[in-house]
All heavy atoms as atom14 arrays in JSON, in Angstrom:
{
  "sequence": "VSGGRLRPAVFGAMDGLVTNIALIAGVGGGGVGSRTLVLTGVAGL",
  "atom14_mask": [
    [1, 1, 1, 1, 1, 1, 1, 0, 0, 0, 0, 0, 0, 0],
    [1, 1, 1, 1, 1, 1, 0, 0, 0, 0, 0, 0, 0, 0],
    [1, 1, 1, 1, 0, 0, 0, 0, 0, 0, 0, 0, 0, 0],
    [1, 1, 1, 1, 0, 0, 0, 0, 0, 0, 0, 0, 0, 0],
    [1, 1, 1, 1, 1, 1, 1, 1, 1, 1, 1, 0, 0, 0],
    [1, 1, 1, 1, 1, 1, 1, 1, 0, 0, 0, 0, 0, 0],
    [1, 1, 1, 1, 1, 1, 1, 1, 1, 1, 1, 0, 0, 0],
    [1, 1, 1, 1, 1, 1, 1, 0, 0, 0, 0, 0, 0, 0],
    [1, 1, 1, 1, 1, 0, 0, 0, 0, 0, 0, 0, 0, 0],
    [1, 1, 1, 1, 1, 1, 1, 0, 0, 0, 0, 0, 0, 0],
    [1, 1, 1, 1, 1, 1, 1, 1, 1, 1, 1, 0, 0, 0],
    [1, 1, 1, 1, 0, 0, 0, 0, 0, 0, 0, 0, 0, 0],
    [1, 1, 1, 1, 1, 0, 0, 0, 0, 0, 0, 0, 0, 0],
    [1, 1, 1, 1, 1, 1, 1, 1, 0, 0, 0, 0, 0, 0],
    [1, 1, 1, 1, 1, 1, 1, 1, 0, 0, 0, 0, 0, 0],
    [1, 1, 1, 1, 0, 0, 0, 0, 0, 0, 0, 0, 0, 0],
    [1, 1, 1, 1, 1, 1, 1, 1, 0, 0, 0, 0, 0, 0],
    [1, 1, 1, 1, 1, 1, 1, 0, 0, 0, 0, 0, 0, 0],
    [1, 1, 1, 1, 1, 1, 1, 0, 0, 0, 0, 0, 0, 0],
    [1, 1, 1, 1, 1, 1, 1, 1, 0, 0, 0, 0, 0, 0],
    [1, 1, 1, 1, 1, 1, 1, 1, 0, 0, 0, 0, 0, 0],
    [1, 1, 1, 1, 1, 0, 0, 0, 0, 0, 0, 0, 0, 0],
    [1, 1, 1, 1, 1, 1, 1, 1, 0, 0, 0, 0, 0, 0],
    [1, 1, 1, 1, 1, 1, 1, 1, 0, 0, 0, 0, 0, 0],
    [1, 1, 1, 1, 1, 0, 0, 0, 0, 0, 0, 0, 0, 0],
    [1, 1, 1, 1, 0, 0, 0, 0, 0, 0, 0, 0, 0, 0],
    [1, 1, 1, 1, 1, 1, 1, 0, 0, 0, 0, 0, 0, 0],
    [1, 1, 1, 1, 0, 0, 0, 0, 0, 0, 0, 0, 0, 0],
    [1, 1, 1, 1, 0, 0, 0, 0, 0, 0, 0, 0, 0, 0],
    [1, 1, 1, 1, 0, 0, 0, 0, 0, 0, 0, 0, 0, 0],
    [1, 1, 1, 1, 0, 0, 0, 0, 0, 0, 0, 0, 0, 0],
    [1, 1, 1, 1, 1, 1, 1, 0, 0, 0, 0, 0, 0, 0],
    [1, 1, 1, 1, 0, 0, 0, 0, 0, 0, 0, 0, 0, 0],
    [1, 1, 1, 1, 1, 1, 0, 0, 0, 0, 0, 0, 0, 0],
    [1, 1, 1, 1, 1, 1, 1, 1, 1, 1, 1, 0, 0, 0],
    [1, 1, 1, 1, 1, 1, 1, 0, 0, 0, 0, 0, 0, 0],
    [1, 1, 1, 1, 1, 1, 1, 1, 0, 0, 0, 0, 0, 0],
    [1, 1, 1, 1, 1, 1, 1, 0, 0, 0, 0, 0, 0, 0],
    [1, 1, 1, 1, 1, 1, 1, 1, 0, 0, 0, 0, 0, 0],
    [1, 1, 1, 1, 1, 1, 1, 0, 0, 0, 0, 0, 0, 0],
    [1, 1, 1, 1, 0, 0, 0, 0, 0, 0, 0, 0, 0, 0],
    [1, 1, 1, 1, 1, 1, 1, 0, 0, 0, 0, 0, 0, 0],
    [1, 1, 1, 1, 1, 0, 0, 0, 0, 0, 0, 0, 0, 0],
    [1, 1, 1, 1, 0, 0, 0, 0, 0, 0, 0, 0, 0, 0],
    [1, 1, 1, 1, 1, 1, 1, 1, 0, 0, 0, 0, 0, 0]
  ],
  "atom14_positions": [
    [[0.8, -1.22, 0.0], [0.0, 0.01, -0.01], [0.83, 1.26, -0.04], [0.33, 2.37, 0.11], [-0.95, 0.04, 1.26], [-1.89, -1.15, 1.16], [-0.12, -0.03, 2.53], [0.0, 0.0, 0.0], [0.0, 0.0, 0.0], [0.0, 0.0, 0.0], [0.0, 0.0, 0.0], [0.0, 0.0, 0.0], [0.0, 0.0, 0.0], [0.0, 0.0, 0.0]],
    [[2.2, 1.14, -0.15], [3.02, 2.26, -0.06], [3.69, 2.63, -1.39], [4.37, 3.63, -1.51], [4.19, 2.03, 1.01], [4.99, 0.92, 0.59], [0.0, 0.0, 0.0], [0.0, 0.0, 0.0], [0.0, 0.0, 0.0], [0.0, 0.0, 0.0], [0.0, 0.0, 0.0], [0.0, 0.0, 0.0], [0.0, 0.0, 0.0], [0.0, 0.0, 0.0]],
    [[3.49, 1.82, -2.42], [4.2, 2.0, -3.66], [3.56, 3.08, -4.52], [4.16, 3.51, -5.54], [0.0, 0.0, 0.0], [0.0, 0.0, 0.0], [0.0, 0.0, 0.0], [0.0, 0.0, 0.0], [0.0, 0.0, 0.0], [0.0, 0.0, 0.0], [0.0, 0.0, 0.0], [0.0, 0.0, 0.0], [0.0, 0.0, 0.0], [0.0, 0.0, 0.0]],
    [[2.32, 3.48, -4.21], [1.69, 4.52, -5.0], [1.23, 4.09, -6.39], [1.2, 4.92, -7.29], [0.0, 0.0, 0.0], [0.0, 0.0, 0.0], [0.0, 0.0, 0.0], [0.0, 0.0, 0.0], [0.0, 0.0, 0.0], [0.0, 0.0, 0.0], [0.0, 0.0, 0.0], [0.0, 0.0, 0.0], [0.0, 0.0, 0.0], [0.0, 0.0, 0.0]],
    [[0.99, 2.83, -6.63], [0.63, 2.34, -7.95], [-0.86, 2.13, -8.13], [-1.43, 2.37, -9.2], [1.39, 1.06, -8.31], [2.84, 1.28, -8.58], [3.61, 0.03, -8.7], [4.98, 0.3, -9.2], [5.99, 0.72, -8.44], [5.76, 0.99, -7.14], [7.16, 0.96, -8.93], [0.0, 0.0, 0.0], [0.0, 0.0, 0.0], [0.0, 0.0, 0.0]],
    [[-1.54, 1.68, -7.12], [-2.98, 1.43, -7.28], [-3.77, 2.72, -7.47], [-4.68, 2.8, -8.3], [-3.48, 0.66, -6.03], [-5.04, 0.42, -6.03], [-5.37, -0.49, -7.22], [-5.45, -0.3, -4.72], [0.0, 0.0, 0.0], [0.0, 0.0, 0.0], [0.0, 0.0, 0.0], [0.0, 0.0, 0.0], [0.0, 0.0, 0.0], [0.0, 0.0, 0.0]],
    [[-3.44, 3.81, -6.66], [-4.16, 5.03, -6.78], [-4.11, 5.64, -8.15], [-5.2, 5.99, -8.74], [-3.63, 6.02, -5.76], [-4.42, 7.3, -5.67], [-3.67, 8.36, -4.89], [-2.47, 8.77, -5.53], [-2.35, 9.66, -6.5], [-3.48, 10.28, -6.92], [-1.23, 10.01, -7.07], [0.0, 0.0, 0.0], [0.0, 0.0, 0.0], [0.0, 0.0, 0.0]],
    [[-2.96, 5.85, -8.78], [-2.97, 6.45, -10.15], [-3.67, 5.54, -11.17], [-4.24, 6.05, -12.13], [-1.49, 6.68, -10.45], [-0.74, 5.77, -9.56], [-1.55, 5.65, -8.31], [0.0, 0.0, 0.0], [0.0, 0.0, 0.0], [0.0, 0.0, 0.0], [0.0, 0.0, 0.0], [0.0, 0.0, 0.0], [0.0, 0.0, 0.0], [0.0, 0.0, 0.0]],
    [[-3.53, 4.22, -11.02], [-4.21, 3.33, -11.97], [-5.69, 3.44, -11.9], [-6.42, 3.61, -12.86], [-3.73, 1.93, -11.73], [0.0, 0.0, 0.0], [0.0, 0.0, 0.0], [0.0, 0.0, 0.0], [0.0, 0.0, 0.0], [0.0, 0.0, 0.0], [0.0, 0.0, 0.0], [0.0, 0.0, 0.0], [0.0, 0.0, 0.0], [0.0, 0.0, 0.0]],
    [[-6.22, 3.34, -10.63], [-7.66, 3.45, -10.45], [-8.15, 4.84, -10.82], [-9.17, 4.99, -11.5], [-8.05, 3.13, -8.97], [-9.47, 3.38, -8.72], [-7.67, 1.67, -8.73], [0.0, 0.0, 0.0], [0.0, 0.0, 0.0], [0.0, 0.0, 0.0], [0.0, 0.0, 0.0], [0.0, 0.0, 0.0], [0.0, 0.0, 0.0], [0.0, 0.0, 0.0]],
    [[-7.46, 5.86, -10.34], [-7.88, 7.25, -10.62], [-7.88, 7.51, -12.1], [-8.78, 8.1, -12.66], [-6.97, 8.22, -9.92], [-7.29, 9.69, -10.07], [-8.67, 10.03, -9.99], [-6.4, 10.61, -10.22], [-8.99, 11.38, -10.13], [-6.73, 11.97, -10.38], [-8.02, 12.31, -10.33], [0.0, 0.0, 0.0], [0.0, 0.0, 0.0], [0.0, 0.0, 0.0]],
    [[-6.83, 7.01, -12.8], [-6.77, 7.22, -14.22], [-7.9, 6.57, -15.01], [-8.54, 7.13, -15.88], [0.0, 0.0, 0.0], [0.0, 0.0, 0.0], [0.0, 0.0, 0.0], [0.0, 0.0, 0.0], [0.0, 0.0, 0.0], [0.0, 0.0, 0.0], [0.0, 0.0, 0.0], [0.0, 0.0, 0.0], [0.0, 0.0, 0.0], [0.0, 0.0, 0.0]],
    [[-8.19, 5.28, -14.66], [-9.26, 4.55, -15.3], [-10.62, 5.18, -15.06], [-11.42, 5.36, -16.01], [-9.23, 3.07, -14.9], [0.0, 0.0, 0.0], [0.0, 0.0, 0.0], [0.0, 0.0, 0.0], [0.0, 0.0, 0.0], [0.0, 0.0, 0.0], [0.0, 0.0, 0.0], [0.0, 0.0, 0.0], [0.0, 0.0, 0.0], [0.0, 0.0, 0.0]],
    [[-10.9, 5.5, -13.79], [-12.15, 6.11, -13.46], [-12.33, 7.46, -14.15], [-13.41, 7.8, -14.62], [-12.32, 6.26, -11.97], [-12.3, 4.96, -11.21], [-13.72, 3.93, -11.65], [-13.5, 2.58, -10.55], [0.0, 0.0, 0.0], [0.0, 0.0, 0.0], [0.0, 0.0, 0.0], [0.0, 0.0, 0.0], [0.0, 0.0, 0.0], [0.0, 0.0, 0.0]],
    [[-11.24, 8.23, -14.13], [-11.29, 9.55, -14.72], [-11.49, 9.48, -16.25], [-12.31, 10.23, -16.83], [-10.03, 10.35, -14.42], [-10.21, 11.83, -14.62], [-11.36, 12.32, -14.68], [-9.23, 12.6, -14.64], [0.0, 0.0, 0.0], [0.0, 0.0, 0.0], [0.0, 0.0, 0.0], [0.0, 0.0, 0.0], [0.0, 0.0, 0.0], [0.0, 0.0, 0.0]],
    [[-10.83, 8.51, -16.89], [-11.01, 8.33, -18.3], [-12.4, 7.95, -18.65], [-13.0, 8.45, -19.6], [0.0, 0.0, 0.0], [0.0, 0.0, 0.0], [0.0, 0.0, 0.0], [0.0, 0.0, 0.0], [0.0, 0.0, 0.0], [0.0, 0.0, 0.0], [0.0, 0.0, 0.0], [0.0, 0.0, 0.0], [0.0, 0.0, 0.0], [0.0, 0.0, 0.0]],
    [[-12.99, 6.99, -17.84], [-14.34, 6.58, -18.12], [-15.34, 7.71, -17.92], [-16.16, 7.99, -18.79], [-14.69, 5.44, -17.18], [-14.2, 4.04, -17.58], [-14.24, 3.08, -16.43], [-15.12, 3.46, -18.71], [0.0, 0.0, 0.0], [0.0, 0.0, 0.0], [0.0, 0.0, 0.0], [0.0, 0.0, 0.0], [0.0, 0.0, 0.0], [0.0, 0.0, 0.0]],
    [[-15.31, 8.37, -16.76], [-16.25, 9.4, -16.49], [-16.09, 10.59, -17.41], [-17.1, 11.13, -17.88], [-16.1, 9.87, -15.01], [-16.98, 11.06, -14.73], [-16.44, 8.69, -14.04], [0.0, 0.0, 0.0], [0.0, 0.0, 0.0], [0.0, 0.0, 0.0], [0.0, 0.0, 0.0], [0.0, 0.0, 0.0], [0.0, 0.0, 0.0], [0.0, 0.0, 0.0]],
    [[-14.84, 10.99, -17.68], [-14.63, 12.13, -18.55], [-15.23, 11.9, -19.93], [-15.93, 12.76, -20.45], [-13.11, 12.39, -18.66], [-12.64, 12.8, -17.41], [-12.88, 13.53, -19.68], [0.0, 0.0, 0.0], [0.0, 0.0, 0.0], [0.0, 0.0, 0.0], [0.0, 0.0, 0.0], [0.0, 0.0, 0.0], [0.0, 0.0, 0.0], [0.0, 0.0, 0.0]],
    [[-14.96, 10.77, -20.56], [-15.42, 10.55, -21.88], [-16.91, 10.21, -21.97], [-17.57, 10.51, -22.94], [-14.56, 9.51, -22.64], [-13.7, 10.19, -23.75], [-13.55, 11.4, -23.74], [-13.18, 9.37, -24.63], [0.0, 0.0, 0.0], [0.0, 0.0, 0.0], [0.0, 0.0, 0.0], [0.0, 0.0, 0.0], [0.0, 0.0, 0.0], [0.0, 0.0, 0.0]],
    [[-17.4, 9.5, -20.96], [-18.83, 9.24, -20.86], [-19.57, 10.58, -20.85], [-20.58, 10.8, -21.54], [-19.2, 8.37, -19.69], [-18.71, 6.93, -19.93], [-20.69, 8.38, -19.47], [-18.81, 6.08, -18.73], [0.0, 0.0, 0.0], [0.0, 0.0, 0.0], [0.0, 0.0, 0.0], [0.0, 0.0, 0.0], [0.0, 0.0, 0.0], [0.0, 0.0, 0.0]],
    [[-19.11, 11.44, -19.91], [-19.8, 12.79, -19.78], [-19.59, 13.6, -21.02], [-20.54, 14.29, -21.46], [-19.22, 13.52, -18.57], [0.0, 0.0, 0.0], [0.0, 0.0, 0.0], [0.0, 0.0, 0.0], [0.0, 0.0, 0.0], [0.0, 0.0, 0.0], [0.0, 0.0, 0.0], [0.0, 0.0, 0.0], [0.0, 0.0, 0.0], [0.0, 0.0, 0.0]],
    [[-18.38, 13.57, -21.6], [-18.16, 14.33, -22.85], [-19.01, 13.85, -24.03], [-19.64, 14.65, -24.71], [-16.67, 14.21, -23.22], [-16.15, 15.05, -24.4], [-16.37, 16.57, -24.09], [-14.71, 14.76, -24.63], [0.0, 0.0, 0.0], [0.0, 0.0, 0.0], [0.0, 0.0, 0.0], [0.0, 0.0, 0.0], [0.0, 0.0, 0.0], [0.0, 0.0, 0.0]],
    [[-19.1, 12.57, -24.19], [-19.92, 12.01, -25.26], [-21.38, 12.33, -24.97], [-22.14, 12.66, -25.94], [-19.67, 10.49, -25.38], [-18.28, 10.21, -25.93], [-20.78, 9.83, -26.24], [-17.93, 8.76, -25.93], [0.0, 0.0, 0.0], [0.0, 0.0, 0.0], [0.0, 0.0, 0.0], [0.0, 0.0, 0.0], [0.0, 0.0, 0.0], [0.0, 0.0, 0.0]],
    [[-21.86, 12.23, -23.76], [-23.2, 12.49, -23.43], [-23.53, 14.01, -23.74], [-24.6, 14.32, -24.27], [-23.51, 12.2, -21.97], [0.0, 0.0, 0.0], [0.0, 0.0, 0.0], [0.0, 0.0, 0.0], [0.0, 0.0, 0.0], [0.0, 0.0, 0.0], [0.0, 0.0, 0.0], [0.0, 0.0, 0.0], [0.0, 0.0, 0.0], [0.0, 0.0, 0.0]],
    [[-22.64, 14.86, -23.33], [-22.87, 16.28, -23.61], [-22.87, 16.64, -25.07], [-23.87, 17.31, -25.53], [0.0, 0.0, 0.0], [0.0, 0.0, 0.0], [0.0, 0.0, 0.0], [0.0, 0.0, 0.0], [0.0, 0.0, 0.0], [0.0, 0.0, 0.0], [0.0, 0.0, 0.0], [0.0, 0.0, 0.0], [0.0, 0.0, 0.0], [0.0, 0.0, 0.0]],
    [[-21.95, 16.15, -25.8], [-21.89, 16.36, -27.2], [-23.05, 15.71, -27.96], [-23.69, 16.32, -28.83], [-20.55, 15.98, -27.81], [-20.52, 16.14, -29.31], [-19.38, 16.75, -27.2], [0.0, 0.0, 0.0], [0.0, 0.0, 0.0], [0.0, 0.0, 0.0], [0.0, 0.0, 0.0], [0.0, 0.0, 0.0], [0.0, 0.0, 0.0], [0.0, 0.0, 0.0]],
    [[-23.32, 14.49, -27.59], [-24.39, 13.75, -28.17], [-25.76, 14.4, -27.87], [-26.66, 14.46, -28.71], [0.0, 0.0, 0.0], [0.0, 0.0, 0.0], [0.0, 0.0, 0.0], [0.0, 0.0, 0.0], [0.0, 0.0, 0.0], [0.0, 0.0, 0.0], [0.0, 0.0, 0.0], [0.0, 0.0, 0.0], [0.0, 0.0, 0.0], [0.0, 0.0, 0.0]],
    [[-25.9, 14.96, -26.63], [-27.12, 15.66, -26.29], [-27.3, 16.89, -27.09], [-28.43, 17.34, -27.29], [0.0, 0.0, 0.0], [0.0, 0.0, 0.0], [0.0, 0.0, 0.0], [0.0, 0.0, 0.0], [0.0, 0.0, 0.0], [0.0, 0.0, 0.0], [0.0, 0.0, 0.0], [0.0, 0.0, 0.0], [0.0, 0.0, 0.0], [0.0, 0.0, 0.0]],
    [[-26.21, 17.46, -27.6], [-26.36, 18.66, -28.46], [-26.73, 18.32, -29.85], [-26.91, 19.26, -30.7], [0.0, 0.0, 0.0], [0.0, 0.0, 0.0], [0.0, 0.0, 0.0], [0.0, 0.0, 0.0], [0.0, 0.0, 0.0], [0.0, 0.0, 0.0], [0.0, 0.0, 0.0], [0.0, 0.0, 0.0], [0.0, 0.0, 0.0], [0.0, 0.0, 0.0]],
    [[-26.86, 17.02, -30.22], [-27.31, 16.62, -31.54], [-26.28, 16.56, -32.63], [-26.63, 16.64, -33.82], [0.0, 0.0, 0.0], [0.0, 0.0, 0.0], [0.0, 0.0, 0.0], [0.0, 0.0, 0.0], [0.0, 0.0, 0.0], [0.0, 0.0, 0.0], [0.0, 0.0, 0.0], [0.0, 0.0, 0.0], [0.0, 0.0, 0.0], [0.0, 0.0, 0.0]],
    [[-24.98, 16.47, -32.31], [-23.99, 16.4, -33.34], [-23.98, 15.06, -34.01], [-24.46, 14.05, -33.46], [-22.58, 16.74, -32.78], [-22.55, 18.06, -32.1], [-22.13, 15.65, -31.82], [0.0, 0.0, 0.0], [0.0, 0.0, 0.0], [0.0, 0.0, 0.0], [0.0, 0.0, 0.0], [0.0, 0.0, 0.0], [0.0, 0.0, 0.0], [0.0, 0.0, 0.0]],
    [[-23.31, 14.91, -35.12], [-23.23, 13.66, -35.84], [-22.19, 12.74, -35.26], [-21.35, 13.13, -34.4], [0.0, 0.0, 0.0], [0.0, 0.0, 0.0], [0.0, 0.0, 0.0], [0.0, 0.0, 0.0], [0.0, 0.0, 0.0], [0.0, 0.0, 0.0], [0.0, 0.0, 0.0], [0.0, 0.0, 0.0], [0.0, 0.0, 0.0], [0.0, 0.0, 0.0]],
    [[-22.21, 11.47, -35.68], [-21.33, 10.47, -35.13], [-19.86, 10.77, -35.28], [-19.02, 10.58, -34.45], [-21.65, 9.08, -35.7], [-23.01, 8.73, -35.42], [0.0, 0.0, 0.0], [0.0, 0.0, 0.0], [0.0, 0.0, 0.0], [0.0, 0.0, 0.0], [0.0, 0.0, 0.0], [0.0, 0.0, 0.0], [0.0, 0.0, 0.0], [0.0, 0.0, 0.0]],
    [[-19.58, 11.3, -36.5], [-18.14, 11.59, -36.79], [-17.61, 12.7, -35.88], [-16.51, 12.56, -35.33], [-18.04, 12.07, -38.27], [-16.6, 12.21, -38.75], [-16.58, 12.44, -40.27], [-15.19, 12.56, -40.71], [-14.91, 12.75, -41.98], [-15.87, 12.78, -42.94], [-13.66, 12.86, -42.35], [0.0, 0.0, 0.0], [0.0, 0.0, 0.0], [0.0, 0.0, 0.0]],
    [[-18.39, 13.69, -35.67], [-17.98, 14.76, -34.74], [-17.86, 14.24, -33.34], [-16.93, 14.59, -32.56], [-18.99, 15.95, -34.76], [-19.07, 16.45, -36.07], [-18.55, 17.07, -33.82], [0.0, 0.0, 0.0], [0.0, 0.0, 0.0], [0.0, 0.0, 0.0], [0.0, 0.0, 0.0], [0.0, 0.0, 0.0], [0.0, 0.0, 0.0], [0.0, 0.0, 0.0]],
    [[-18.8, 13.4, -32.94], [-18.74, 12.81, -31.58], [-17.51, 12.0, -31.4], [-16.85, 12.07, -30.34], [-20.02, 11.98, -31.32], [-20.28, 11.52, -29.98], [-21.87, 11.46, -29.73], [-19.65, 10.22, -29.57], [0.0, 0.0, 0.0], [0.0, 0.0, 0.0], [0.0, 0.0, 0.0], [0.0, 0.0, 0.0], [0.0, 0.0, 0.0], [0.0, 0.0, 0.0]],
    [[-17.12, 11.13, -32.38], [-15.92, 10.31, -32.22], [-14.73, 11.24, -32.19], [-13.79, 10.98, -31.35], [-15.84, 9.32, -33.4], [-14.47, 8.63, -33.42], [-16.98, 8.29, -33.37], [0.0, 0.0, 0.0], [0.0, 0.0, 0.0], [0.0, 0.0, 0.0], [0.0, 0.0, 0.0], [0.0, 0.0, 0.0], [0.0, 0.0, 0.0], [0.0, 0.0, 0.0]],
    [[-14.62, 12.21, -33.02], [-13.52, 13.16, -33.01], [-13.38, 13.8, -31.64], [-12.32, 13.95, -31.06], [-13.71, 14.21, -34.13], [-12.58, 15.31, -34.18], [-11.26, 14.66, -34.44], [-12.92, 16.32, -35.24], [0.0, 0.0, 0.0], [0.0, 0.0, 0.0], [0.0, 0.0, 0.0], [0.0, 0.0, 0.0], [0.0, 0.0, 0.0], [0.0, 0.0, 0.0]],
    [[-14.49, 14.22, -31.06], [-14.52, 14.88, -29.73], [-14.01, 13.89, -28.7], [-13.21, 14.24, -27.77], [-15.91, 15.34, -29.4], [-16.4, 16.25, -30.42], [-15.93, 16.02, -28.06], [0.0, 0.0, 0.0], [0.0, 0.0, 0.0], [0.0, 0.0, 0.0], [0.0, 0.0, 0.0], [0.0, 0.0, 0.0], [0.0, 0.0, 0.0], [0.0, 0.0, 0.0]],
    [[-14.49, 12.64, -28.77], [-14.1, 11.63, -27.8], [-12.62, 11.31, -27.88], [-11.97, 11.17, -26.84], [0.0, 0.0, 0.0], [0.0, 0.0, 0.0], [0.0, 0.0, 0.0], [0.0, 0.0, 0.0], [0.0, 0.0, 0.0], [0.0, 0.0, 0.0], [0.0, 0.0, 0.0], [0.0, 0.0, 0.0], [0.0, 0.0, 0.0], [0.0, 0.0, 0.0]],
    [[-12.08, 11.22, -29.1], [-10.64, 10.9, -29.27], [-9.82, 12.07, -28.78], [-8.76, 11.88, -28.1], [-10.35, 10.61, -30.69], [-8.87, 10.48, -30.94], [-11.01, 9.29, -31.17], [0.0, 0.0, 0.0], [0.0, 0.0, 0.0], [0.0, 0.0, 0.0], [0.0, 0.0, 0.0], [0.0, 0.0, 0.0], [0.0, 0.0, 0.0], [0.0, 0.0, 0.0]],
    [[-10.27, 13.31, -29.03], [-9.52, 14.51, -28.57], [-9.54, 14.53, -27.07], [-8.54, 14.86, -26.42], [-10.13, 15.77, -29.17], [0.0, 0.0, 0.0], [0.0, 0.0, 0.0], [0.0, 0.0, 0.0], [0.0, 0.0, 0.0], [0.0, 0.0, 0.0], [0.0, 0.0, 0.0], [0.0, 0.0, 0.0], [0.0, 0.0, 0.0], [0.0, 0.0, 0.0]],
    [[-10.7, 14.17, -26.49], [-10.72, 14.14, -25.0], [-9.82, 13.07, -24.44], [-9.25, 13.26, -23.4], [0.0, 0.0, 0.0], [0.0, 0.0, 0.0], [0.0, 0.0, 0.0], [0.0, 0.0, 0.0], [0.0, 0.0, 0.0], [0.0, 0.0, 0.0], [0.0, 0.0, 0.0], [0.0, 0.0, 0.0], [0.0, 0.0, 0.0], [0.0, 0.0, 0.0]],
    [[-9.71, 11.95, -25.13], [-8.9, 10.86, -24.66], [-7.41, 11.3, -24.62], [-6.71, 11.17, -23.65], [-9.06, 9.6, -25.57], [-8.33, 8.35, -25.22], [-8.99, 7.17, -25.88], [-6.85, 8.35, -25.67], [0.0, 0.0, 0.0], [0.0, 0.0, 0.0], [0.0, 0.0, 0.0], [0.0, 0.0, 0.0], [0.0, 0.0, 0.0], [0.0, 0.0, 0.0]]
  ]
}
């Protein structure tokens, strides 16, 4: 529990999931096309 590896791994995975889920939801809610949505998601990644 002292090596500091679990925290950045978990934090990174959770942040990546929540960030792009929320980003895709926001952009998709605005009615953009699939191509724009994918481009936005990749840029966010």
